[in-house]
Amino acid sequence: MVSIKKGDHMRANKYATHVEPFLDKIKEMYASMTEAQIAKALGISKNTFQKYKQEHEELRQALLEAQQSAVEVYRSRSEER
């Protein structure tokens, strides 16, 4: 049995349960929510969300795709005017 003392950095990583299964949903949320709001909706802190962005390429890619999609929507709306 392993004992973990307070202050040990062996906390469970929520990425696999709170972020990874929702990458497609995160893309949708990115269109109308801030990263802080997305983090809160996922049940993680803004700092943890930032850390996961640095550590996980698939999250960075999902956010990049969401951003590119938003730009395309903006451009198409601008062209319609």
N, C-alpha and C. Protein backbone atom coordinates (compact mmCIF):
# COMPACT_ATOMS: atom_id res chain seq x y z
N MET A 1 0.84 -1.17 0.00
CA MET A 1 0.00 0.00 0.00
C MET A 1 0.89 1.24 0.00
N VAL A 2 0.56 2.19 -0.85
CA VAL A 2 1.32 3.42 -0.95
C VAL A 2 0.63 4.49 -0.13
N SER A 3 1.40 5.16 0.68
CA SER A 3 0.80 6.25 1.46
C SER A 3 1.20 7.56 0.82
N ILE A 4 0.23 8.43 0.65
CA ILE A 4 0.47 9.74 0.07
C ILE A 4 0.24 10.78 1.15
N LYS A 5 1.29 11.50 1.43
CA LYS A 5 1.19 12.56 2.44
C LYS A 5 0.67 13.83 1.82
N LYS A 6 0.07 14.65 2.66
CA LYS A 6 -0.39 15.95 2.19
C LYS A 6 0.79 16.71 1.59
N GLY A 7 0.57 17.27 0.43
CA GLY A 7 1.63 18.02 -0.22
C GLY A 7 2.36 17.21 -1.29
N ASP A 8 2.20 15.88 -1.28
CA ASP A 8 2.80 15.08 -2.34
C ASP A 8 2.11 15.41 -3.65
N HIS A 9 2.85 15.39 -4.72
CA HIS A 9 2.29 15.75 -6.03
C HIS A 9 1.86 14.51 -6.78
N MET A 10 1.05 13.70 -6.17
CA MET A 10 0.58 12.46 -6.77
C MET A 10 -0.94 12.53 -6.97
N ARG A 11 -1.48 13.71 -7.11
CA ARG A 11 -2.91 13.86 -7.30
C ARG A 11 -3.31 13.29 -8.66
N ALA A 12 -4.52 12.81 -8.72
CA ALA A 12 -5.03 12.26 -9.97
C ALA A 12 -5.16 13.36 -11.02
N ASN A 13 -4.85 13.03 -12.24
CA ASN A 13 -4.95 13.96 -13.34
C ASN A 13 -6.37 13.89 -13.90
N LYS A 14 -7.04 15.03 -13.97
CA LYS A 14 -8.42 15.07 -14.44
C LYS A 14 -8.52 15.15 -15.96
N TYR A 15 -7.40 15.26 -16.66
CA TYR A 15 -7.46 15.41 -18.11
C TYR A 15 -8.24 14.28 -18.76
N ALA A 16 -7.94 13.06 -18.36
CA ALA A 16 -8.57 11.89 -18.98
C ALA A 16 -10.07 11.81 -18.73
N THR A 17 -10.54 12.38 -17.62
CA THR A 17 -11.96 12.28 -17.29
C THR A 17 -12.74 13.56 -17.52
N HIS A 18 -12.08 14.71 -17.41
CA HIS A 18 -12.79 15.98 -17.46
C HIS A 18 -12.57 16.77 -18.76
N VAL A 19 -11.54 16.42 -19.51
CA VAL A 19 -11.23 17.20 -20.71
C VAL A 19 -11.25 16.33 -21.97
N GLU A 20 -10.43 15.31 -22.01
CA GLU A 20 -10.27 14.51 -23.23
C GLU A 20 -11.59 14.00 -23.82
N PRO A 21 -12.52 13.49 -23.01
CA PRO A 21 -13.78 13.01 -23.61
C PRO A 21 -14.64 14.12 -24.21
N PHE A 22 -14.31 15.37 -23.94
CA PHE A 22 -15.15 16.49 -24.34
C PHE A 22 -14.46 17.42 -25.34
N LEU A 23 -13.45 16.94 -26.04
CA LEU A 23 -12.72 17.81 -26.97
C LEU A 23 -13.64 18.40 -28.03
N ASP A 24 -14.57 17.62 -28.57
CA ASP A 24 -15.49 18.15 -29.57
C ASP A 24 -16.42 19.20 -28.96
N LYS A 25 -16.87 18.95 -27.76
CA LYS A 25 -17.74 19.91 -27.06
C LYS A 25 -16.97 21.20 -26.75
N ILE A 26 -15.70 21.05 -26.39
CA ILE A 26 -14.85 22.22 -26.10
C ILE A 26 -14.77 23.11 -27.34
N LYS A 27 -14.66 22.50 -28.52
CA LYS A 27 -14.63 23.28 -29.76
C LYS A 27 -15.90 24.12 -29.89
N GLU A 28 -17.05 23.52 -29.58
CA GLU A 28 -18.31 24.25 -29.65
C GLU A 28 -18.36 25.37 -28.61
N MET A 29 -17.92 25.06 -27.40
CA MET A 29 -17.95 26.05 -26.32
C MET A 29 -17.06 27.24 -26.63
N TYR A 30 -15.95 26.99 -27.31
CA TYR A 30 -14.97 28.03 -27.59
C TYR A 30 -15.56 29.17 -28.42
N ALA A 31 -16.62 28.88 -29.16
CA ALA A 31 -17.25 29.90 -29.99
C ALA A 31 -17.95 30.97 -29.17
N SER A 32 -18.38 30.62 -27.95
CA SER A 32 -19.17 31.59 -27.18
C SER A 32 -18.72 31.75 -25.73
N MET A 33 -17.64 31.08 -25.35
CA MET A 33 -17.19 31.13 -23.96
C MET A 33 -15.71 31.45 -23.89
N THR A 34 -15.31 32.05 -22.78
CA THR A 34 -13.88 32.27 -22.53
C THR A 34 -13.26 30.96 -22.04
N GLU A 35 -11.95 30.91 -22.05
CA GLU A 35 -11.28 29.72 -21.54
C GLU A 35 -11.59 29.51 -20.06
N ALA A 36 -11.71 30.59 -19.32
CA ALA A 36 -12.06 30.47 -17.89
C ALA A 36 -13.44 29.84 -17.73
N GLN A 37 -14.38 30.25 -18.57
CA GLN A 37 -15.73 29.68 -18.52
C GLN A 37 -15.73 28.21 -18.93
N ILE A 38 -14.94 27.88 -19.94
CA ILE A 38 -14.83 26.48 -20.38
C ILE A 38 -14.25 25.64 -19.25
N ALA A 39 -13.19 26.13 -18.63
CA ALA A 39 -12.57 25.40 -17.52
C ALA A 39 -13.59 25.14 -16.42
N LYS A 40 -14.34 26.16 -16.06
CA LYS A 40 -15.35 26.01 -15.01
C LYS A 40 -16.39 24.98 -15.41
N ALA A 41 -16.84 25.02 -16.67
CA ALA A 41 -17.83 24.06 -17.15
C ALA A 41 -17.28 22.63 -17.11
N LEU A 42 -15.97 22.49 -17.28
CA LEU A 42 -15.33 21.17 -17.25
C LEU A 42 -15.03 20.70 -15.83
N GLY A 43 -15.15 21.61 -14.86
CA GLY A 43 -14.88 21.25 -13.48
C GLY A 43 -13.42 21.30 -13.10
N ILE A 44 -12.67 22.14 -13.82
CA ILE A 44 -11.25 22.32 -13.51
C ILE A 44 -10.96 23.81 -13.39
N SER A 45 -9.82 24.15 -12.80
CA SER A 45 -9.46 25.56 -12.66
C SER A 45 -8.91 26.10 -13.98
N LYS A 46 -8.91 27.41 -14.09
CA LYS A 46 -8.33 28.06 -15.27
C LYS A 46 -6.84 27.71 -15.38
N ASN A 47 -6.14 27.69 -14.25
CA ASN A 47 -4.71 27.35 -14.27
C ASN A 47 -4.50 25.92 -14.75
N THR A 48 -5.36 25.02 -14.33
CA THR A 48 -5.24 23.62 -14.78
C THR A 48 -5.51 23.54 -16.28
N PHE A 49 -6.49 24.29 -16.76
CA PHE A 49 -6.78 24.32 -18.19
C PHE A 49 -5.56 24.79 -18.97
N GLN A 50 -4.91 25.85 -18.48
CA GLN A 50 -3.70 26.37 -19.12
C GLN A 50 -2.59 25.32 -19.13
N LYS A 51 -2.45 24.62 -18.01
CA LYS A 51 -1.43 23.58 -17.91
C LYS A 51 -1.71 22.46 -18.92
N TYR A 52 -2.97 22.06 -19.01
CA TYR A 52 -3.34 21.01 -19.96
C TYR A 52 -3.09 21.45 -21.40
N LYS A 53 -3.31 22.72 -21.69
CA LYS A 53 -3.02 23.23 -23.04
C LYS A 53 -1.53 23.07 -23.37
N GLN A 54 -0.69 23.30 -22.38
CA GLN A 54 0.75 23.16 -22.60
C GLN A 54 1.16 21.70 -22.76
N GLU A 55 0.48 20.82 -22.04
CA GLU A 55 0.87 19.41 -21.99
C GLU A 55 0.24 18.52 -23.06
N HIS A 56 -0.89 18.93 -23.62
CA HIS A 56 -1.65 18.04 -24.49
C HIS A 56 -1.90 18.66 -25.86
N GLU A 57 -1.21 18.13 -26.85
CA GLU A 57 -1.32 18.62 -28.22
C GLU A 57 -2.75 18.55 -28.74
N GLU A 58 -3.50 17.49 -28.40
CA GLU A 58 -4.85 17.36 -28.93
C GLU A 58 -5.77 18.46 -28.40
N LEU A 59 -5.54 18.97 -27.22
CA LEU A 59 -6.33 20.09 -26.70
C LEU A 59 -5.94 21.37 -27.44
N ARG A 60 -4.66 21.59 -27.63
CA ARG A 60 -4.22 22.77 -28.39
C ARG A 60 -4.81 22.73 -29.80
N GLN A 61 -4.80 21.56 -30.41
CA GLN A 61 -5.32 21.42 -31.76
C GLN A 61 -6.82 21.69 -31.81
N ALA A 62 -7.56 21.20 -30.83
CA ALA A 62 -9.01 21.43 -30.77
C ALA A 62 -9.30 22.92 -30.65
N LEU A 63 -8.54 23.62 -29.82
CA LEU A 63 -8.75 25.06 -29.66
C LEU A 63 -8.37 25.83 -30.92
N LEU A 64 -7.31 25.39 -31.57
CA LEU A 64 -6.90 26.03 -32.82
C LEU A 64 -7.97 25.85 -33.89
N GLU A 65 -8.51 24.64 -34.00
CA GLU A 65 -9.58 24.39 -34.97
C GLU A 65 -10.81 25.24 -34.66
N ALA A 66 -11.13 25.37 -33.39
CA ALA A 66 -12.27 26.20 -32.99
C ALA A 66 -12.03 27.65 -33.35
N GLN A 67 -10.83 28.11 -33.14
CA GLN A 67 -10.48 29.50 -33.45
C GLN A 67 -10.55 29.74 -34.96
N GLN A 68 -10.02 28.80 -35.74
CA GLN A 68 -10.06 28.93 -37.19
C GLN A 68 -11.50 28.92 -37.70
N SER A 69 -12.33 28.10 -37.12
CA SER A 69 -13.73 28.03 -37.50
C SER A 69 -14.43 29.35 -37.20
N ALA A 70 -14.13 29.93 -36.06
CA ALA A 70 -14.73 31.22 -35.69
C ALA A 70 -14.30 32.31 -36.67
N VAL A 71 -13.06 32.28 -37.08
CA VAL A 71 -12.56 33.27 -38.04
C VAL A 71 -13.28 33.10 -39.37
N GLU A 72 -13.48 31.86 -39.81
CA GLU A 72 -14.18 31.61 -41.07
C GLU A 72 -15.62 32.13 -41.01
N VAL A 73 -16.29 31.91 -39.89
CA VAL A 73 -17.66 32.40 -39.72
C VAL A 73 -17.66 33.92 -39.79
N TYR A 74 -16.74 34.54 -39.10
CA TYR A 74 -16.65 36.01 -39.09
C TYR A 74 -16.43 36.53 -40.51
N ARG A 75 -15.50 35.90 -41.24
CA ARG A 75 -15.21 36.35 -42.60
C ARG A 75 -16.42 36.19 -43.52
N SER A 76 -17.10 35.06 -43.41
CA SER A 76 -18.26 34.85 -44.28
C SER A 76 -19.38 35.84 -43.96
N ARG A 77 -19.53 36.18 -42.70
CA ARG A 77 -20.54 37.19 -42.34
C ARG A 77 -20.16 38.56 -42.83
N SER A 78 -18.86 38.85 -42.81
CA SER A 78 -18.38 40.15 -43.29
C SER A 78 -18.57 40.27 -44.80
N GLU A 79 -18.40 39.17 -45.51
CA GLU A 79 -18.56 39.18 -46.97
C GLU A 79 -20.03 39.34 -47.37
N GLU A 80 -20.94 38.92 -46.51
CA GLU A 80 -22.36 39.00 -46.81
C GLU A 80 -22.87 40.43 -46.74
N ARG A 81 -22.16 41.29 -46.06
CA ARG A 81 -22.61 42.68 -45.90
C ARG A 81 -22.42 43.49 -47.11
